[in-house]
Amino acid sequence: MAAPYACLIRYDIANPKLLGRVHRFIMTAGVPVQYSVFTAVLTPPQRQQMADLEMLIDPREDDIRLYPLPGRVTPITLGQQFFPEGVMLLREGKDLLHPGEA
């Protein structure tokens, strides 16, 4: 079985109805970092669901991207931060930036 996939997800969707659908799905899988940017650890079924979104979007107007995250991530942040210093990105007890630890 395939291992969970730690990634950064960002999207830009033109259709407001589809935007809501994409946003709700990604909220079930990840943690928002910015308005349309999320960190997530996707299971194989969630990865397939992300791939299935391609059938719903208009490739001329919409854009969804997944960027794989390495095992250890040291983010560099500039400007006002969404999370206070020292806050880790966790979802259901899993460290999204360091998926092998918790």
Foldseek 3Di string as FASTA:
>chain_A
DDFWFWWKKFKDADDPVVVVVVVVLVVVFFDDFDDGITIGGHDVVSVVVVVVCVVVGDVVGMDMDIGTADQADDDDDDDDGPDPPPDFGDDPRAGSRHRVDD
